[in-house]
Structures are given as C-alpha cells and as structure tokens.
Amino acid sequence: MWNLNNKTALITGGSKGIGRACVEEFARLGANVIFIARNKEDILKLEEELRAKNYDVTGLVADAIIKEDQDKIVAAIKEKWGKLDILVNNAGINIRKKALQYTEDEYRKVIEINQFSVFELSLKLHPYLKISGNSKIVNIASSAAMQDVGTGVPYAMSKAAMLQQTRSLAVEWAADGIRVNAVSPWFTVTPLTRGLLAEEDRMNPILRRTPLKRVAEASEMANIAAFLAMDQSSYITGQNIVADGGMSINAI
C-alpha cells in the first residue's frame, strides 16, 4: 500500500538537490514523473539514469517563472496525462546577502521565483489537479520561513508566503479533492549548500543548534514529500512538516 503506483507527478526544480531526490523517490515508488529543470544536459543525464532502472520519467526544459514556460508545462500535462495527481513545487533560488546589500532586481528575482511562480503554476494546473479528484500539492518551504537562520530576508519572506499559500489553498481547494501541504527543511546537503556547509565557521553553529548533530540528506526530505503525496496521508492538509533535526525546539 505504501506506494505511488499509477500516480502522475510533476516536480519542479527536479534535476538537483531535493527536487532530484523527489524525482528518484517518486519514480521508485511507482509514479509516472515529469520533472522540470532549466539545463537540458542535466535533464538528459537524469532521464538516462532513471530510465535504465525502468522508471517512467520525462524531463522538460522550462523555467517556472516564465509565463510561456508555465504554459508549456501545462500543455505537457494535458498531452501526456490529461490530469495531475501530484504537484511538487520545489524550484527556488537564494541570494545570500544582508538586507541593505540587495539590489531591487535581486530581491525581486528571489521572491518571483520562490513565491510568484509557485502560486502561478498551482493556479494554472488546478484544472488538472481537480480532474484527478484525489490530488496533492507538496510545497518545499524552509525553516527560514519561521526563524531567522541567516539565509537572507527575501528568501525567508518568500518561504513564509509559501506556507500561508499552503494553508489558504488547502482550505479553498479541499472541495476540489486537492490536499496541500508543505515540508520545511533545515540545512540539507545539496549542490547549492555544499560550499557553505564545507566552511567550519558556518557548519559548526548549525551542528551545535541541531540535536541530531548533522545536516539532512536530500533523500530525507523526499521521503516526507512522498508520504504527503500518498493516499496514506489522506487526512493531512494545510500542514507544514518541519524537518530540522530538532533545531526549532532546541532553546538552549
């Protein structure tokens, strides 16, 4: 019963990090997956790797913030399946700076990709999620949405907005058979964080604050997303699963 057999899933930002881990885990659990990324070479490499395991995966070159690419994503769902059971909104970026150091273009870029594209793509895919009658949206948020973790104000703002979007759409779209939940990771090993985590003066404070004394692996976040995408989580909606190794409860 703990599988995603015959489920259709769209995963954005699917060629690296948590997104890639979601593609692998969802496909392993039996889902038919379309994943989105901007780099064609990364897509072809992941397609080849997973198809060698007989997984049903298709990559699509697209940028989730570009309106024409959003329409291309919707058209691919319509043509391939005609419905959508699972949407994982994972694509995102960060520019780590102090608040006063951002240019307007920089902070707008972070917010547009992390917040606006998630909302816009969810809206455009709503008809196909509704057709499913039993669909799930999983938004990959962040611990930065709830606490200052030194990742930059625009990133934190955008992820906090994602959490409220999760709660509001969970209520509004429940009647359409759509459940909406979020996962909020603490520091996780990905290509975007590997350099930062290699610095002792950055890693040591993270480990001191984390009761489990380690950072997360991308696969651990994918496992949570997969559970929220399963029918076995059928009474969970509008929730945010905080996966932080105990950081948020560690007062001292």
C-alpha atoms as a PDB file:
ATOM      1  CA  MET A   1       0.000   0.000   0.000  1.00  0.00           C
ATOM      2  CA  TRP A   2       2.897   2.371   0.595  1.00  0.00           C
ATOM      3  CA  ASN A   3       3.485   3.310  -2.997  1.00  0.00           C
ATOM      4  CA  LEU A   4       2.639   5.833  -5.700  1.00  0.00           C
ATOM      5  CA  ASN A   5       1.680   3.293  -8.341  1.00  0.00           C
ATOM      6  CA  ASN A   6      -0.148   4.805 -11.328  1.00  0.00           C
ATOM      7  CA  LYS A   7       0.082   8.318  -9.875  1.00  0.00           C
ATOM      8  CA  THR A   8       1.064  11.185 -12.151  1.00  0.00           C
ATOM      9  CA  ALA A   9       3.530  13.653 -10.649  1.00  0.00           C
ATOM     10  CA  LEU A  10       5.074  16.940 -11.727  1.00  0.00           C
ATOM     11  CA  ILE A  11       8.209  18.038  -9.855  1.00  0.00           C
ATOM     12  CA  THR A  12       9.795  21.437 -10.463  1.00  0.00           C
ATOM     13  CA  GLY A  13      13.500  22.026  -9.994  1.00  0.00           C
ATOM     14  CA  GLY A  14      13.908  18.303 -10.486  1.00  0.00           C
ATOM     15  CA  SER A  15      17.484  17.859 -11.679  1.00  0.00           C
ATOM     16  CA  LYS A  16      19.358  18.681  -8.460  1.00  0.00           C
ATOM     17  CA  GLY A  17      19.142  18.570  -4.686  1.00  0.00           C
ATOM     18  CA  ILE A  18      15.800  17.921  -3.025  1.00  0.00           C
ATOM     19  CA  GLY A  19      13.986  18.065  -6.362  1.00  0.00           C
ATOM     20  CA  ARG A  20      16.151  15.342  -7.842  1.00  0.00           C
ATOM     21  CA  ALA A  21      15.719  13.231  -4.720  1.00  0.00           C
ATOM     22  CA  CYS A  22      11.933  13.623  -5.112  1.00  0.00           C
ATOM     23  CA  VAL A  23      12.094  12.546  -8.755  1.00  0.00           C
ATOM     24  CA  GLU A  24      14.055   9.440  -7.799  1.00  0.00           C
ATOM     25  CA  GLU A  25      11.876   8.535  -4.822  1.00  0.00           C
ATOM     26  CA  PHE A  26       8.550   9.148  -6.549  1.00  0.00           C
ATOM     27  CA  ALA A  27       9.643   7.114  -9.565  1.00  0.00           C
ATOM     28  CA  ARG A  28      10.937   4.325  -7.307  1.00  0.00           C
ATOM     29  CA  LEU A  29       7.535   4.231  -5.619  1.00  0.00           C
ATOM     30  CA  GLY A  30       5.812   3.749  -8.968  1.00  0.00           C
ATOM     31  CA  ALA A  31       4.760   7.243 -10.030  1.00  0.00           C
ATOM     32  CA  ASN A  32       4.858   8.490 -13.603  1.00  0.00           C
ATOM     33  CA  VAL A  33       7.006  11.613 -13.312  1.00  0.00           C
ATOM     34  CA  ILE A  34       7.552  14.763 -15.341  1.00  0.00           C
ATOM     35  CA  PHE A  35      10.336  16.872 -13.881  1.00  0.00           C
ATOM     36  CA  ILE A  36      11.237  20.441 -14.746  1.00  0.00           C
ATOM     37  CA  ALA A  37      14.708  21.980 -14.944  1.00  0.00           C
ATOM     38  CA  ARG A  38      16.448  24.716 -16.899  1.00  0.00           C
ATOM     39  CA  ASN A  39      19.539  22.803 -18.017  1.00  0.00           C
ATOM     40  CA  LYS A  40      18.996  20.361 -20.879  1.00  0.00           C
ATOM     41  CA  GLU A  41      22.188  18.385 -20.197  1.00  0.00           C
ATOM     42  CA  ASP A  42      21.175  17.804 -16.572  1.00  0.00           C
ATOM     43  CA  ILE A  43      17.756  16.625 -17.729  1.00  0.00           C
ATOM     44  CA  LEU A  44      19.115  14.176 -20.302  1.00  0.00           C
ATOM     45  CA  LYS A  45      21.583  12.733 -17.794  1.00  0.00           C
ATOM     46  CA  LEU A  46      18.920  12.134 -15.147  1.00  0.00           C
ATOM     47  CA  GLU A  47      16.473  10.710 -17.696  1.00  0.00           C
ATOM     48  CA  GLU A  48      19.080   8.215 -18.876  1.00  0.00           C
ATOM     49  CA  GLU A  49      19.992   7.206 -15.337  1.00  0.00           C
ATOM     50  CA  LEU A  50      16.421   6.610 -14.196  1.00  0.00           C
ATOM     51  CA  ARG A  51      15.137   5.011 -17.388  1.00  0.00           C
ATOM     52  CA  ALA A  52      17.944   2.454 -17.014  1.00  0.00           C
ATOM     53  CA  LYS A  53      16.087   1.440 -13.849  1.00  0.00           C
ATOM     54  CA  ASN A  54      12.829   1.173 -15.851  1.00  0.00           C
ATOM     55  CA  TYR A  55      11.370   4.254 -14.187  1.00  0.00           C
ATOM     56  CA  ASP A  56       8.762   6.285 -16.070  1.00  0.00           C
ATOM     57  CA  VAL A  57      10.333   9.746 -16.095  1.00  0.00           C
ATOM     58  CA  THR A  58      10.287  12.614 -18.572  1.00  0.00           C
ATOM     59  CA  GLY A  59      12.290  15.820 -18.266  1.00  0.00           C
ATOM     60  CA  LEU A  60      11.116  19.153 -19.596  1.00  0.00           C
ATOM     61  CA  VAL A  61      13.334  22.179 -20.156  1.00  0.00           C
ATOM     62  CA  ALA A  62      11.459  25.080 -18.596  1.00  0.00           C
ATOM     63  CA  ASP A  63      11.796  27.992 -16.190  1.00  0.00           C
ATOM     64  CA  ALA A  64       8.881  28.079 -13.762  1.00  0.00           C
ATOM     65  CA  ILE A  65       8.791  31.890 -13.603  1.00  0.00           C
ATOM     66  CA  ILE A  66       8.470  32.429 -17.374  1.00  0.00           C
ATOM     67  CA  LYS A  67       4.821  32.601 -18.438  1.00  0.00           C
ATOM     68  CA  GLU A  68       5.444  30.873 -21.776  1.00  0.00           C
ATOM     69  CA  ASP A  69       7.262  28.050 -19.993  1.00  0.00           C
ATOM     70  CA  GLN A  70       4.429  27.722 -17.484  1.00  0.00           C
ATOM     71  CA  ASP A  71       2.069  27.275 -20.424  1.00  0.00           C
ATOM     72  CA  LYS A  72       4.468  24.695 -21.901  1.00  0.00           C
ATOM     73  CA  ILE A  73       4.360  22.767 -18.624  1.00  0.00           C
ATOM     74  CA  VAL A  74       0.565  22.810 -18.579  1.00  0.00           C
ATOM     75  CA  ALA A  75       0.438  21.688 -22.218  1.00  0.00           C
ATOM     76  CA  ALA A  76       2.766  18.764 -21.425  1.00  0.00           C
ATOM     77  CA  ILE A  77       0.497  17.619 -18.594  1.00  0.00           C
ATOM     78  CA  LYS A  78      -2.577  17.918 -20.802  1.00  0.00           C
ATOM     79  CA  GLU A  79      -0.988  16.000 -23.661  1.00  0.00           C
ATOM     80  CA  LYS A  80       0.675  13.239 -21.647  1.00  0.00           C
ATOM     81  CA  TRP A  81      -1.926  12.535 -18.953  1.00  0.00           C
ATOM     82  CA  GLY A  82      -4.909  14.881 -19.090  1.00  0.00           C
ATOM     83  CA  LYS A  83      -4.836  15.045 -15.286  1.00  0.00           C
ATOM     84  CA  LEU A  84      -2.344  15.519 -12.474  1.00  0.00           C
ATOM     85  CA  ASP A  85      -2.268  13.644  -9.170  1.00  0.00           C
ATOM     86  CA  ILE A  86       0.771  15.282  -7.553  1.00  0.00           C
ATOM     87  CA  LEU A  87       2.463  18.658  -7.870  1.00  0.00           C
ATOM     88  CA  VAL A  88       5.740  19.219  -6.019  1.00  0.00           C
ATOM     89  CA  ASN A  89       6.700  22.901  -6.027  1.00  0.00           C
ATOM     90  CA  ASN A  90      10.427  22.668  -5.370  1.00  0.00           C
ATOM     91  CA  ALA A  91      12.092  25.124  -7.765  1.00  0.00           C
ATOM     92  CA  GLY A  92      13.652  28.022  -5.936  1.00  0.00           C
ATOM     93  CA  ILE A  93      16.733  30.197  -5.556  1.00  0.00           C
ATOM     94  CA  ASN A  94      18.516  32.221  -2.928  1.00  0.00           C
ATOM     95  CA  ILE A  95      20.931  35.127  -2.928  1.00  0.00           C
ATOM     96  CA  ARG A  96      22.597  35.309   0.481  1.00  0.00           C
ATOM     97  CA  LYS A  97      23.208  38.932   1.485  1.00  0.00           C
ATOM     98  CA  LYS A  98      22.433  41.385   4.246  1.00  0.00           C
ATOM     99  CA  ALA A  99      19.131  43.197   3.679  1.00  0.00           C
ATOM    100  CA  LEU A 100      20.739  46.537   2.844  1.00  0.00           C
ATOM    101  CA  GLN A 101      23.017  44.945   0.238  1.00  0.00           C
ATOM    102  CA  TYR A 102      20.299  43.704  -2.120  1.00  0.00           C
ATOM    103  CA  THR A 103      19.514  45.440  -5.353  1.00  0.00           C
ATOM    104  CA  GLU A 104      15.855  45.641  -6.305  1.00  0.00           C
ATOM    105  CA  ASP A 105      16.424  43.217  -9.169  1.00  0.00           C
ATOM    106  CA  GLU A 106      17.981  40.685  -6.792  1.00  0.00           C
ATOM    107  CA  TYR A 107      15.255  40.620  -4.171  1.00  0.00           C
ATOM    108  CA  ARG A 108      12.508  40.692  -6.784  1.00  0.00           C
ATOM    109  CA  LYS A 109      14.113  37.703  -8.523  1.00  0.00           C
ATOM    110  CA  VAL A 110      14.176  35.654  -5.298  1.00  0.00           C
ATOM    111  CA  ILE A 111      10.560  36.470  -4.458  1.00  0.00           C
ATOM    112  CA  GLU A 112       9.283  35.975  -8.014  1.00  0.00           C
ATOM    113  CA  ILE A 113      10.814  32.509  -8.331  1.00  0.00           C
ATOM    114  CA  ASN A 114      10.146  31.261  -4.804  1.00  0.00           C
ATOM    115  CA  GLN A 115       6.689  32.753  -4.354  1.00  0.00           C
ATOM    116  CA  PHE A 116       5.037  34.024  -7.534  1.00  0.00           C
ATOM    117  CA  SER A 117       5.972  31.057  -9.741  1.00  0.00           C
ATOM    118  CA  VAL A 118       4.636  28.600  -7.150  1.00  0.00           C
ATOM    119  CA  PHE A 119       1.313  30.416  -6.962  1.00  0.00           C
ATOM    120  CA  GLU A 120       1.007  30.894 -10.710  1.00  0.00           C
ATOM    121  CA  LEU A 121       1.853  27.292 -11.581  1.00  0.00           C
ATOM    122  CA  SER A 122      -0.544  25.990  -8.938  1.00  0.00           C
ATOM    123  CA  LEU A 123      -3.326  28.121 -10.408  1.00  0.00           C
ATOM    124  CA  LYS A 124      -2.635  27.005 -13.971  1.00  0.00           C
ATOM    125  CA  LEU A 125      -2.510  23.338 -13.006  1.00  0.00           C
ATOM    126  CA  HIS A 126      -5.611  23.492 -10.801  1.00  0.00           C
ATOM    127  CA  PRO A 127      -7.956  22.149 -13.536  1.00  0.00           C
ATOM    128  CA  TYR A 128      -5.813  19.019 -13.944  1.00  0.00           C
ATOM    129  CA  LEU A 129      -5.447  18.521 -10.202  1.00  0.00           C
ATOM    130  CA  LYS A 130      -9.231  18.839  -9.896  1.00  0.00           C
ATOM    131  CA  ILE A 131      -9.808  16.259 -12.631  1.00  0.00           C
ATOM    132  CA  SER A 132      -7.791  13.783 -10.563  1.00  0.00           C
ATOM    133  CA  GLY A 133     -10.299  14.132  -7.713  1.00  0.00           C
ATOM    134  CA  ASN A 134      -7.665  12.975  -5.231  1.00  0.00           C
ATOM    135  CA  SER A 135      -4.606  15.136  -5.795  1.00  0.00           C
ATOM    136  CA  LYS A 136      -1.859  16.583  -3.637  1.00  0.00           C
ATOM    137  CA  ILE A 137       0.342  19.646  -3.746  1.00  0.00           C
ATOM    138  CA  VAL A 138       3.581  19.498  -1.772  1.00  0.00           C
ATOM    139  CA  ASN A 139       5.441  22.787  -1.381  1.00  0.00           C
ATOM    140  CA  ILE A 140       9.112  22.671  -0.404  1.00  0.00           C
ATOM    141  CA  ALA A 141       9.470  25.563   2.029  1.00  0.00           C
ATOM    142  CA  SER A 142      12.217  26.152   4.612  1.00  0.00           C
ATOM    143  CA  SER A 143      12.988  26.613   8.284  1.00  0.00           C
ATOM    144  CA  ALA A 144      13.800  30.171   7.227  1.00  0.00           C
ATOM    145  CA  ALA A 145      10.055  30.748   6.892  1.00  0.00           C
ATOM    146  CA  MET A 146       9.684  30.596  10.671  1.00  0.00           C
ATOM    147  CA  GLN A 147      13.028  31.679  12.139  1.00  0.00           C
ATOM    148  CA  ASP A 148      15.979  33.775  11.142  1.00  0.00           C
ATOM    149  CA  VAL A 149      18.568  31.234  10.017  1.00  0.00           C
ATOM    150  CA  GLY A 150      20.868  33.640   8.210  1.00  0.00           C
ATOM    151  CA  THR A 151      19.727  32.840   4.682  1.00  0.00           C
ATOM    152  CA  GLY A 152      18.679  36.370   3.697  1.00  0.00           C
ATOM    153  CA  VAL A 153      15.462  38.315   4.200  1.00  0.00           C
ATOM    154  CA  PRO A 154      13.921  37.902   0.687  1.00  0.00           C
ATOM    155  CA  TYR A 155      14.327  34.126   0.827  1.00  0.00           C
ATOM    156  CA  ALA A 156      12.724  33.990   4.276  1.00  0.00           C
ATOM    157  CA  MET A 157       9.883  36.266   3.136  1.00  0.00           C
ATOM    158  CA  SER A 158       9.183  34.136   0.070  1.00  0.00           C
ATOM    159  CA  LYS A 159       9.140  30.871   2.016  1.00  0.00           C
ATOM    160  CA  ALA A 160       6.879  32.350   4.708  1.00  0.00           C
ATOM    161  CA  ALA A 161       4.478  33.369   1.942  1.00  0.00           C
ATOM    162  CA  MET A 162       4.632  29.815   0.597  1.00  0.00           C
ATOM    163  CA  LEU A 163       3.477  28.490   3.966  1.00  0.00           C
ATOM    164  CA  GLN A 164       0.478  30.804   4.038  1.00  0.00           C
ATOM    165  CA  GLN A 165      -0.324  29.859   0.454  1.00  0.00           C
ATOM    166  CA  THR A 166      -0.235  26.227   1.586  1.00  0.00           C
ATOM    167  CA  ARG A 167      -2.727  26.874   4.384  1.00  0.00           C
ATOM    168  CA  SER A 168      -5.076  29.060   2.352  1.00  0.00           C
ATOM    169  CA  LEU A 169      -5.221  26.822  -0.718  1.00  0.00           C
ATOM    170  CA  ALA A 170      -5.719  23.760   1.491  1.00  0.00           C
ATOM    171  CA  VAL A 171      -8.965  25.323   2.703  1.00  0.00           C
ATOM    172  CA  GLU A 172     -10.077  26.780  -0.624  1.00  0.00           C
ATOM    173  CA  TRP A 173      -9.325  23.709  -2.740  1.00  0.00           C
ATOM    174  CA  ALA A 174     -10.415  20.958  -0.334  1.00  0.00           C
ATOM    175  CA  ALA A 175     -13.798  20.814  -2.067  1.00  0.00           C
ATOM    176  CA  ASP A 176     -11.957  20.071  -5.325  1.00  0.00           C
ATOM    177  CA  GLY A 177     -10.282  16.996  -3.853  1.00  0.00           C
ATOM    178  CA  ILE A 178      -6.891  18.710  -3.576  1.00  0.00           C
ATOM    179  CA  ARG A 179      -4.768  18.441  -0.447  1.00  0.00           C
ATOM    180  CA  VAL A 180      -1.981  20.990   0.051  1.00  0.00           C
ATOM    181  CA  ASN A 181       0.929  20.580   2.451  1.00  0.00           C
ATOM    182  CA  ALA A 182       4.487  21.808   2.899  1.00  0.00           C
ATOM    183  CA  VAL A 183       7.849  20.483   4.010  1.00  0.00           C
ATOM    184  CA  SER A 184      10.293  22.833   5.746  1.00  0.00           C
ATOM    185  CA  PRO A 185      13.876  21.564   5.749  1.00  0.00           C
ATOM    186  CA  TRP A 186      16.728  22.861   7.889  1.00  0.00           C
ATOM    187  CA  PHE A 187      20.163  22.836   6.258  1.00  0.00           C
ATOM    188  CA  THR A 188      20.288  19.994   3.732  1.00  0.00           C
ATOM    189  CA  VAL A 189      23.169  18.752   1.597  1.00  0.00           C
ATOM    190  CA  THR A 190      22.538  19.908  -1.975  1.00  0.00           C
ATOM    191  CA  PRO A 191      24.730  21.377  -4.737  1.00  0.00           C
ATOM    192  CA  LEU A 192      23.611  24.857  -3.619  1.00  0.00           C
ATOM    193  CA  THR A 193      24.605  24.370   0.039  1.00  0.00           C
ATOM    194  CA  ARG A 194      27.647  22.114  -0.264  1.00  0.00           C
ATOM    195  CA  GLY A 195      30.129  25.005  -0.426  1.00  0.00           C
ATOM    196  CA  LEU A 196      28.562  26.774   2.542  1.00  0.00           C
ATOM    197  CA  LEU A 197      28.466  23.618   4.652  1.00  0.00           C
ATOM    198  CA  ALA A 198      32.137  22.975   3.910  1.00  0.00           C
ATOM    199  CA  GLU A 199      33.040  26.124   5.883  1.00  0.00           C
ATOM    200  CA  GLU A 200      33.680  25.240   9.522  1.00  0.00           C
ATOM    201  CA  ASP A 201      32.563  28.637  10.794  1.00  0.00           C
ATOM    202  CA  ARG A 202      29.183  28.073   9.119  1.00  0.00           C
ATOM    203  CA  MET A 203      28.803  24.359   9.803  1.00  0.00           C
ATOM    204  CA  ASN A 204      29.788  24.330  13.483  1.00  0.00           C
ATOM    205  CA  PRO A 205      26.979  26.682  14.662  1.00  0.00           C
ATOM    206  CA  ILE A 206      24.480  24.621  12.664  1.00  0.00           C
ATOM    207  CA  LEU A 207      25.580  21.402  14.337  1.00  0.00           C
ATOM    208  CA  ARG A 208      25.585  22.992  17.799  1.00  0.00           C
ATOM    209  CA  ARG A 209      21.974  24.098  17.322  1.00  0.00           C
ATOM    210  CA  THR A 210      20.805  20.744  15.924  1.00  0.00           C
ATOM    211  CA  PRO A 211      20.130  17.969  18.483  1.00  0.00           C
ATOM    212  CA  LEU A 212      20.731  15.246  15.876  1.00  0.00           C
ATOM    213  CA  LYS A 213      24.190  16.769  15.253  1.00  0.00           C
ATOM    214  CA  ARG A 214      24.090  16.582  11.486  1.00  0.00           C
ATOM    215  CA  VAL A 215      22.517  18.230   8.492  1.00  0.00           C
ATOM    216  CA  ALA A 216      19.888  16.470   6.409  1.00  0.00           C
ATOM    217  CA  GLU A 217      20.250  14.470   3.226  1.00  0.00           C
ATOM    218  CA  ALA A 218      18.038  15.414   0.286  1.00  0.00           C
ATOM    219  CA  SER A 219      16.542  11.916   0.306  1.00  0.00           C
ATOM    220  CA  GLU A 220      15.159  12.520   3.808  1.00  0.00           C
ATOM    221  CA  MET A 221      13.132  15.466   2.524  1.00  0.00           C
ATOM    222  CA  ALA A 222      11.975  13.451  -0.485  1.00  0.00           C
ATOM    223  CA  ASN A 223      10.692  10.724   1.841  1.00  0.00           C
ATOM    224  CA  ILE A 224       8.453  13.216   3.643  1.00  0.00           C
ATOM    225  CA  ALA A 225       7.209  14.677   0.366  1.00  0.00           C
ATOM    226  CA  ALA A 226       6.409  11.175  -0.866  1.00  0.00           C
ATOM    227  CA  PHE A 227       4.350  10.410   2.240  1.00  0.00           C
ATOM    228  CA  LEU A 228       2.358  13.621   1.800  1.00  0.00           C
ATOM    229  CA  ALA A 229       1.783  12.634  -1.838  1.00  0.00           C
ATOM    230  CA  MET A 230       0.444   9.195  -0.889  1.00  0.00           C
ATOM    231  CA  ASP A 231      -3.164   8.315  -0.229  1.00  0.00           C
ATOM    232  CA  GLN A 232      -1.991   7.088   3.193  1.00  0.00           C
ATOM    233  CA  SER A 233      -1.730  10.734   4.336  1.00  0.00           C
ATOM    234  CA  SER A 234      -5.343  11.303   3.328  1.00  0.00           C
ATOM    235  CA  TYR A 235      -6.397  13.288   6.432  1.00  0.00           C
ATOM    236  CA  ILE A 236      -3.483  15.713   6.374  1.00  0.00           C
ATOM    237  CA  THR A 237      -3.911  19.054   4.653  1.00  0.00           C
ATOM    238  CA  GLY A 238      -2.809  22.625   5.262  1.00  0.00           C
ATOM    239  CA  GLN A 239       0.127  21.441   7.343  1.00  0.00           C
ATOM    240  CA  ASN A 240       3.825  22.192   7.401  1.00  0.00           C
ATOM    241  CA  ILE A 241       6.133  19.307   8.295  1.00  0.00           C
ATOM    242  CA  VAL A 242       9.235  20.792   9.903  1.00  0.00           C
ATOM    243  CA  ALA A 243      12.215  18.509   9.254  1.00  0.00           C
ATOM    244  CA  ASP A 244      15.042  20.162  11.142  1.00  0.00           C
ATOM    245  CA  GLY A 245      16.697  17.536  13.319  1.00  0.00           C
ATOM    246  CA  GLY A 246      15.152  19.165  16.381  1.00  0.00           C
ATOM    247  CA  MET A 247      16.649  22.621  15.773  1.00  0.00           C
ATOM    248  CA  SER A 248      13.414  24.549  16.326  1.00  0.00           C
ATOM    249  CA  ILE A 249      12.778  23.033  19.760  1.00  0.00           C
ATOM    250  CA  ASN A 250      16.344  23.481  20.996  1.00  0.00           C
ATOM    251  CA  ALA A 251      16.070  26.589  23.185  1.00  0.00           C
ATOM    252  CA  ILE A 252      19.484  26.220  24.829  1.00  0.00           C
END
